[in-house]
């Protein structure tokens, strides 16, 4: 069954709660949120909270819950592709924000007749550094990657 923003928001809320409780680390939280926003069907959302205890209103699958098995659940088929899409959108958001800030700085500098302190570096630098590290090391914790 196809899902909408209401279902996605419910799962993200549950993940935020689990993150706040210390059940997920930052990297795993980011991965799961990216998978939530890339999901198209209810079945893709279920594994993202299946290993978390129930707490308050959370996403409930329209299908009955399965009993735990001895082997771990298979990861979503397109999780690597979804991570790539989420990372691409993060870079696009960074580029848009930096472009706007540099444009404002440039217009102010031109209107004043001399270049002002380049304050957009405080937007571009830290955010870009975090994205760069995430891009370089996004597969570092996967088995078989070196």
N, C-alpha and C. Protein backbone atom coordinates (compact mmCIF):
# COMPACT_ATOMS: atom_id res chain seq x y z
N UNK A 1 0.84 -1.16 0.00
CA UNK A 1 0.00 0.00 0.00
C UNK A 1 0.90 1.24 0.00
N UNK A 2 0.61 2.19 -0.86
CA UNK A 2 1.40 3.42 -0.95
C UNK A 2 1.17 4.26 0.29
N UNK A 3 2.21 5.01 0.66
CA UNK A 3 2.13 5.83 1.87
C UNK A 3 2.23 7.30 1.52
N UNK A 4 1.88 8.14 2.48
CA UNK A 4 1.96 9.58 2.32
C UNK A 4 2.80 10.19 3.43
N UNK A 5 2.78 11.51 3.49
CA UNK A 5 3.60 12.22 4.47
C UNK A 5 3.19 11.92 5.90
N UNK A 6 1.92 11.65 6.16
CA UNK A 6 1.47 11.36 7.52
C UNK A 6 2.16 10.11 8.05
N UNK A 7 2.20 9.07 7.24
CA UNK A 7 2.86 7.83 7.66
C UNK A 7 4.37 8.05 7.83
N UNK A 8 4.97 8.77 6.91
CA UNK A 8 6.41 9.03 7.02
C UNK A 8 6.72 9.82 8.30
N UNK A 9 5.91 10.84 8.57
CA UNK A 9 6.12 11.67 9.76
C UNK A 9 5.99 10.85 11.04
N UNK A 10 5.06 9.90 11.07
CA UNK A 10 4.89 9.04 12.25
C UNK A 10 6.14 8.20 12.49
N UNK A 11 6.71 7.67 11.43
CA UNK A 11 7.91 6.84 11.58
C UNK A 11 9.10 7.71 11.98
N UNK A 12 9.25 8.87 11.38
CA UNK A 12 10.35 9.77 11.75
C UNK A 12 10.22 10.18 13.22
N UNK A 13 9.00 10.43 13.67
CA UNK A 13 8.77 10.78 15.08
C UNK A 13 9.21 9.64 15.99
N UNK A 14 8.88 8.41 15.61
CA UNK A 14 9.29 7.24 16.41
C UNK A 14 10.81 7.10 16.42
N UNK A 15 11.45 7.34 15.28
CA UNK A 15 12.91 7.27 15.21
C UNK A 15 13.55 8.36 16.07
N UNK A 16 12.96 9.55 16.07
CA UNK A 16 13.48 10.64 16.91
C UNK A 16 13.38 10.27 18.39
N UNK A 17 12.27 9.65 18.76
CA UNK A 17 12.11 9.21 20.14
C UNK A 17 13.18 8.18 20.50
N UNK A 18 13.37 7.22 19.63
CA UNK A 18 14.39 6.18 19.87
C UNK A 18 15.78 6.79 19.93
N UNK A 19 16.05 7.77 19.08
CA UNK A 19 17.34 8.45 19.10
C UNK A 19 17.52 9.18 20.43
N UNK A 20 16.47 9.87 20.89
CA UNK A 20 16.51 10.58 22.16
C UNK A 20 16.70 9.65 23.34
N UNK A 21 16.20 8.42 23.23
CA UNK A 21 16.36 7.42 24.28
C UNK A 21 17.71 6.74 24.23
N UNK A 22 18.51 7.03 23.20
CA UNK A 22 19.83 6.41 23.07
C UNK A 22 19.80 5.04 22.41
N UNK A 23 18.70 4.69 21.78
CA UNK A 23 18.59 3.38 21.12
C UNK A 23 19.23 3.37 19.73
N UNK A 24 19.40 4.54 19.13
CA UNK A 24 20.03 4.67 17.81
C UNK A 24 21.17 5.67 17.91
N UNK A 25 22.26 5.39 17.19
CA UNK A 25 23.33 6.40 17.12
C UNK A 25 23.03 7.35 15.96
N UNK A 26 23.81 8.39 15.83
CA UNK A 26 23.54 9.43 14.84
C UNK A 26 23.54 8.86 13.42
N UNK A 27 24.53 8.04 13.12
CA UNK A 27 24.65 7.50 11.76
C UNK A 27 23.44 6.62 11.42
N UNK A 28 23.06 5.74 12.36
CA UNK A 28 21.92 4.86 12.09
C UNK A 28 20.63 5.66 12.00
N UNK A 29 20.48 6.68 12.83
CA UNK A 29 19.30 7.54 12.78
C UNK A 29 19.21 8.22 11.41
N UNK A 30 20.34 8.79 10.93
CA UNK A 30 20.36 9.45 9.62
C UNK A 30 20.01 8.48 8.50
N UNK A 31 20.57 7.27 8.56
CA UNK A 31 20.28 6.28 7.52
C UNK A 31 18.81 5.93 7.49
N UNK A 32 18.23 5.70 8.66
CA UNK A 32 16.82 5.30 8.71
C UNK A 32 15.90 6.43 8.25
N UNK A 33 16.21 7.66 8.63
CA UNK A 33 15.38 8.79 8.20
C UNK A 33 15.45 8.92 6.67
N UNK A 34 16.64 8.74 6.10
CA UNK A 34 16.76 8.80 4.64
C UNK A 34 15.92 7.70 3.99
N UNK A 35 15.90 6.52 4.60
CA UNK A 35 15.10 5.42 4.06
C UNK A 35 13.61 5.71 4.19
N UNK A 36 13.21 6.38 5.29
CA UNK A 36 11.80 6.73 5.47
C UNK A 36 11.34 7.63 4.33
N UNK A 37 12.12 8.68 4.04
CA UNK A 37 11.70 9.63 3.03
C UNK A 37 11.82 9.07 1.61
N UNK A 38 12.57 7.99 1.45
CA UNK A 38 12.66 7.36 0.14
C UNK A 38 11.60 6.26 -0.04
N UNK A 39 10.97 5.85 1.05
CA UNK A 39 9.98 4.77 1.01
C UNK A 39 8.74 5.18 0.23
N UNK A 40 8.17 4.20 -0.46
CA UNK A 40 6.95 4.45 -1.22
C UNK A 40 5.78 3.63 -0.70
N UNK A 41 6.09 2.50 -0.05
CA UNK A 41 5.02 1.63 0.42
C UNK A 41 5.15 1.40 1.93
N UNK A 42 4.05 0.98 2.55
CA UNK A 42 4.02 0.71 3.99
C UNK A 42 5.01 -0.39 4.36
N UNK A 43 5.17 -1.35 3.49
CA UNK A 43 6.09 -2.45 3.76
C UNK A 43 7.53 -2.00 3.90
N UNK A 44 7.91 -0.91 3.25
CA UNK A 44 9.27 -0.40 3.37
C UNK A 44 9.51 0.30 4.70
N UNK A 45 8.43 0.74 5.37
CA UNK A 45 8.57 1.43 6.65
C UNK A 45 8.68 0.48 7.83
N UNK A 46 8.06 -0.68 7.73
CA UNK A 46 8.00 -1.61 8.85
C UNK A 46 9.38 -1.99 9.38
N UNK A 47 10.35 -2.37 8.55
CA UNK A 47 11.65 -2.78 9.09
C UNK A 47 12.42 -1.65 9.78
N UNK A 48 12.06 -0.41 9.52
CA UNK A 48 12.81 0.71 10.08
C UNK A 48 12.56 0.91 11.57
N UNK A 49 11.44 0.38 12.07
CA UNK A 49 11.14 0.48 13.51
C UNK A 49 10.90 -0.88 14.14
N UNK A 50 11.07 -1.95 13.37
CA UNK A 50 10.77 -3.30 13.87
C UNK A 50 11.63 -3.69 15.07
N UNK A 51 12.86 -3.20 15.15
CA UNK A 51 13.75 -3.58 16.26
C UNK A 51 13.67 -2.61 17.43
N UNK A 52 12.72 -1.67 17.38
CA UNK A 52 12.55 -0.69 18.46
C UNK A 52 11.32 -1.05 19.29
N UNK A 53 11.38 -0.83 20.61
CA UNK A 53 10.19 -1.12 21.42
C UNK A 53 9.09 -0.11 21.12
N UNK A 54 7.86 -0.54 21.28
CA UNK A 54 6.72 0.34 21.04
C UNK A 54 6.70 1.44 22.08
N UNK A 55 6.42 2.65 21.65
CA UNK A 55 6.34 3.78 22.58
C UNK A 55 5.34 4.78 22.04
N UNK A 56 4.25 4.94 22.70
CA UNK A 56 3.27 5.94 22.28
C UNK A 56 2.75 5.64 20.89
N UNK A 57 2.22 6.69 20.24
CA UNK A 57 1.71 6.49 18.88
C UNK A 57 2.85 6.28 17.91
N UNK A 58 2.86 5.18 17.25
CA UNK A 58 3.91 4.87 16.28
C UNK A 58 3.25 4.29 15.05
N UNK A 59 4.03 4.10 14.02
CA UNK A 59 3.53 3.53 12.78
C UNK A 59 3.21 2.06 13.01
N UNK A 60 2.03 1.66 12.65
CA UNK A 60 1.65 0.26 12.76
C UNK A 60 1.36 -0.25 11.37
N UNK A 61 1.93 -1.38 11.08
CA UNK A 61 1.74 -1.99 9.78
C UNK A 61 0.31 -2.49 9.64
N UNK A 62 -0.25 -2.38 8.44
CA UNK A 62 -1.58 -2.93 8.23
C UNK A 62 -1.56 -4.46 8.25
N UNK A 63 -0.38 -5.07 8.18
CA UNK A 63 -0.26 -6.52 8.23
C UNK A 63 0.07 -6.93 9.66
N UNK A 64 -0.32 -8.13 10.09
CA UNK A 64 -0.03 -8.57 11.45
C UNK A 64 1.47 -8.69 11.68
N UNK A 65 1.89 -8.46 12.92
CA UNK A 65 3.31 -8.52 13.26
C UNK A 65 3.79 -9.95 13.16
N UNK A 66 5.03 -10.11 12.72
CA UNK A 66 5.63 -11.43 12.61
C UNK A 66 6.40 -11.72 13.88
N UNK A 67 6.53 -12.97 14.19
CA UNK A 67 7.35 -13.34 15.34
C UNK A 67 8.81 -13.27 14.93
N UNK A 68 9.71 -12.93 15.87
CA UNK A 68 11.12 -12.82 15.52
C UNK A 68 11.68 -14.16 15.06
N UNK A 69 12.55 -14.10 14.09
CA UNK A 69 13.21 -15.30 13.59
C UNK A 69 14.67 -15.25 13.99
N UNK A 70 15.35 -16.36 13.80
CA UNK A 70 16.75 -16.41 14.20
C UNK A 70 17.67 -15.68 13.23
N UNK A 71 17.22 -15.46 12.01
CA UNK A 71 18.08 -14.74 11.07
C UNK A 71 17.61 -13.29 10.95
N UNK A 72 18.55 -12.38 10.77
CA UNK A 72 18.19 -10.96 10.70
C UNK A 72 17.39 -10.65 9.45
N UNK A 73 16.58 -9.61 9.55
CA UNK A 73 15.78 -9.19 8.41
C UNK A 73 16.68 -8.65 7.30
N UNK A 74 16.29 -8.90 6.07
CA UNK A 74 17.07 -8.42 4.94
C UNK A 74 16.94 -6.91 4.84
N UNK A 75 18.02 -6.23 4.49
CA UNK A 75 17.92 -4.78 4.33
C UNK A 75 17.05 -4.44 3.13
N UNK A 76 16.47 -3.24 3.10
CA UNK A 76 15.67 -2.85 1.94
C UNK A 76 16.50 -2.98 0.66
N UNK A 77 15.83 -3.37 -0.42
CA UNK A 77 16.53 -3.64 -1.67
C UNK A 77 17.32 -2.44 -2.18
N UNK A 78 16.77 -1.25 -2.03
CA UNK A 78 17.41 -0.08 -2.61
C UNK A 78 18.01 0.85 -1.55
N UNK A 79 18.41 0.31 -0.40
CA UNK A 79 18.90 1.18 0.66
C UNK A 79 20.13 1.97 0.24
N UNK A 80 21.02 1.36 -0.51
CA UNK A 80 22.22 2.07 -0.96
C UNK A 80 21.84 3.20 -1.93
N UNK A 81 20.91 2.91 -2.81
CA UNK A 81 20.44 3.92 -3.76
C UNK A 81 19.72 5.05 -3.02
N UNK A 82 18.93 4.69 -2.00
CA UNK A 82 18.21 5.69 -1.22
C UNK A 82 19.18 6.59 -0.47
N UNK A 83 20.24 6.00 0.09
CA UNK A 83 21.24 6.80 0.78
C UNK A 83 21.90 7.78 -0.19
N UNK A 84 22.17 7.32 -1.40
CA UNK A 84 22.76 8.19 -2.40
C UNK A 84 21.85 9.35 -2.77
N UNK A 85 20.55 9.06 -2.87
CA UNK A 85 19.58 10.12 -3.18
C UNK A 85 19.49 11.13 -2.04
N UNK A 86 19.46 10.64 -0.81
CA UNK A 86 19.38 11.54 0.34
C UNK A 86 20.63 12.42 0.40
N UNK A 87 21.78 11.83 0.13
CA UNK A 87 23.02 12.58 0.15
C UNK A 87 23.04 13.62 -0.98
N UNK A 88 22.54 13.26 -2.13
CA UNK A 88 22.46 14.20 -3.25
C UNK A 88 21.57 15.39 -2.88
N UNK A 89 20.43 15.12 -2.25
CA UNK A 89 19.53 16.21 -1.85
C UNK A 89 20.16 17.08 -0.77
N UNK A 90 20.95 16.48 0.12
CA UNK A 90 21.64 17.27 1.14
C UNK A 90 22.66 18.20 0.48
N UNK A 91 23.38 17.71 -0.52
CA UNK A 91 24.34 18.56 -1.23
C UNK A 91 23.62 19.67 -2.00
N UNK A 92 22.47 19.35 -2.58
CA UNK A 92 21.71 20.38 -3.30
C UNK A 92 21.22 21.47 -2.35
N UNK A 93 20.77 21.08 -1.17
CA UNK A 93 20.33 22.06 -0.17
C UNK A 93 21.50 22.94 0.25
N UNK A 94 22.66 22.34 0.45
CA UNK A 94 23.86 23.10 0.81
C UNK A 94 24.20 24.09 -0.30
N UNK A 95 24.20 23.63 -1.54
CA UNK A 95 24.54 24.51 -2.67
C UNK A 95 23.57 25.67 -2.79
N UNK A 96 22.29 25.40 -2.59
CA UNK A 96 21.29 26.47 -2.66
C UNK A 96 21.50 27.49 -1.54
N UNK A 97 21.72 27.03 -0.33
CA UNK A 97 21.92 27.95 0.80
C UNK A 97 23.20 28.77 0.62
N UNK A 98 24.26 28.13 0.19
CA UNK A 98 25.53 28.85 -0.03
C UNK A 98 25.37 29.86 -1.16
N UNK A 99 24.70 29.47 -2.22
CA UNK A 99 24.49 30.40 -3.34
C UNK A 99 23.72 31.63 -2.91
N UNK A 100 22.68 31.45 -2.14
CA UNK A 100 21.90 32.59 -1.65
C UNK A 100 22.76 33.50 -0.78
N UNK A 101 23.52 32.90 0.14
CA UNK A 101 24.35 33.70 1.03
C UNK A 101 25.45 34.45 0.29
N UNK A 102 26.09 33.80 -0.67
CA UNK A 102 27.15 34.46 -1.44
C UNK A 102 26.55 35.58 -2.29
N UNK A 103 25.35 35.36 -2.85
CA UNK A 103 24.70 36.40 -3.63
C UNK A 103 24.40 37.63 -2.77
N UNK A 104 23.87 37.40 -1.57
CA UNK A 104 23.59 38.52 -0.67
C UNK A 104 24.88 39.26 -0.32
N UNK A 105 25.92 38.51 0.02
CA UNK A 105 27.21 39.12 0.36
C UNK A 105 27.75 39.94 -0.83
N UNK A 106 27.66 39.37 -2.03
CA UNK A 106 28.15 40.04 -3.22
C UNK A 106 27.38 41.33 -3.49
N UNK A 107 26.06 41.27 -3.40
CA UNK A 107 25.24 42.47 -3.63
C UNK A 107 25.54 43.57 -2.61
N UNK A 108 25.71 43.20 -1.37
CA UNK A 108 26.04 44.19 -0.33
C UNK A 108 27.42 44.78 -0.61
N UNK A 109 28.37 43.94 -0.94
CA UNK A 109 29.73 44.42 -1.23
C UNK A 109 29.75 45.35 -2.42
N UNK A 110 29.01 45.02 -3.49
CA UNK A 110 28.97 45.88 -4.68
C UNK A 110 28.28 47.20 -4.36
N UNK A 111 27.18 47.15 -3.61
CA UNK A 111 26.47 48.38 -3.30
C UNK A 111 27.27 49.30 -2.37
N UNK A 112 28.11 48.74 -1.54
CA UNK A 112 28.94 49.53 -0.63
C UNK A 112 30.22 50.02 -1.30
N UNK A 113 30.59 49.39 -2.39
CA UNK A 113 31.78 49.81 -3.13
C UNK A 113 33.06 49.10 -2.72
N UNK A 114 33.03 48.28 -1.69
CA UNK A 114 34.23 47.51 -1.30
C UNK A 114 33.78 46.18 -0.72
N UNK A 115 34.63 45.15 -0.85
CA UNK A 115 34.25 43.82 -0.35
C UNK A 115 34.21 43.81 1.19
N UNK A 116 33.15 43.28 1.71
CA UNK A 116 33.00 43.13 3.15
C UNK A 116 33.57 41.80 3.60
N UNK A 117 33.64 41.63 4.91
CA UNK A 117 34.06 40.36 5.51
C UNK A 117 33.23 39.24 4.89
N UNK A 118 33.87 38.18 4.47
CA UNK A 118 33.19 37.09 3.76
C UNK A 118 32.50 36.16 4.77
N UNK A 119 31.37 36.61 5.29
CA UNK A 119 30.63 35.85 6.29
C UNK A 119 29.96 34.58 5.75
N UNK A 120 29.71 34.42 4.44
CA UNK A 120 29.09 33.17 3.98
C UNK A 120 29.94 31.92 4.25
N UNK A 121 31.22 32.14 4.56
CA UNK A 121 32.06 30.98 4.86
C UNK A 121 31.56 30.24 6.10
N UNK A 122 30.85 30.94 7.01
CA UNK A 122 30.34 30.31 8.21
C UNK A 122 29.11 29.44 7.93
N UNK A 123 28.52 29.62 6.77
CA UNK A 123 27.44 28.73 6.33
C UNK A 123 28.04 27.60 5.51
N UNK A 124 28.88 27.96 4.57
CA UNK A 124 29.43 26.98 3.63
C UNK A 124 30.43 26.02 4.29
N UNK A 125 31.30 26.55 5.12
CA UNK A 125 32.38 25.74 5.68
C UNK A 125 31.95 24.59 6.56
N UNK A 126 31.33 24.86 7.73
CA UNK A 126 30.97 23.75 8.62
C UNK A 126 29.98 22.76 8.00
N UNK A 127 28.94 23.29 7.35
CA UNK A 127 27.94 22.42 6.73
C UNK A 127 28.59 21.59 5.62
N UNK A 128 29.40 22.24 4.80
CA UNK A 128 30.08 21.51 3.71
C UNK A 128 31.04 20.46 4.25
N UNK A 129 31.74 20.78 5.34
CA UNK A 129 32.68 19.82 5.92
C UNK A 129 31.93 18.58 6.43
N UNK A 130 30.79 18.81 7.07
CA UNK A 130 30.00 17.68 7.57
C UNK A 130 29.50 16.82 6.42
N UNK A 131 29.01 17.46 5.36
CA UNK A 131 28.56 16.70 4.20
C UNK A 131 29.71 15.95 3.53
N UNK A 132 30.86 16.58 3.45
CA UNK A 132 32.02 15.93 2.83
C UNK A 132 32.43 14.69 3.62
N UNK A 133 32.49 14.79 4.93
CA UNK A 133 32.84 13.64 5.75
C UNK A 133 31.79 12.54 5.59
N UNK A 134 30.51 12.93 5.60
CA UNK A 134 29.44 11.95 5.39
C UNK A 134 29.53 11.28 4.05
N UNK A 135 29.90 12.03 3.02
CA UNK A 135 30.04 11.47 1.68
C UNK A 135 31.20 10.49 1.60
N UNK A 136 32.32 10.86 2.18
CA UNK A 136 33.51 10.01 2.12
C UNK A 136 33.34 8.72 2.92
N UNK A 137 32.75 8.85 4.11
CA UNK A 137 32.70 7.70 5.01
C UNK A 137 31.33 7.04 5.11
N UNK A 138 30.44 7.28 4.16
CA UNK A 138 29.09 6.74 4.29
C UNK A 138 29.06 5.23 4.22
N UNK A 139 30.02 4.60 3.60
CA UNK A 139 30.05 3.14 3.51
C UNK A 139 31.08 2.50 4.42
N UNK A 140 31.73 3.30 5.26
CA UNK A 140 32.81 2.78 6.09
C UNK A 140 32.35 1.71 7.07
N UNK A 141 31.11 1.79 7.56
CA UNK A 141 30.65 0.83 8.53
C UNK A 141 29.96 -0.38 7.92
N UNK A 142 29.90 -0.45 6.61
CA UNK A 142 29.28 -1.61 5.96
C UNK A 142 30.24 -2.79 5.93
N UNK A 143 29.73 -3.99 6.16
CA UNK A 143 30.59 -5.17 6.07
C UNK A 143 31.13 -5.32 4.66
N UNK A 144 32.39 -5.65 4.56
CA UNK A 144 33.02 -5.88 3.28
C UNK A 144 33.53 -4.65 2.58
N UNK A 145 33.37 -3.47 3.18
CA UNK A 145 33.89 -2.26 2.55
C UNK A 145 35.16 -1.84 3.24
N UNK A 146 36.14 -1.44 2.48
CA UNK A 146 37.42 -1.01 3.05
C UNK A 146 37.89 0.24 2.41
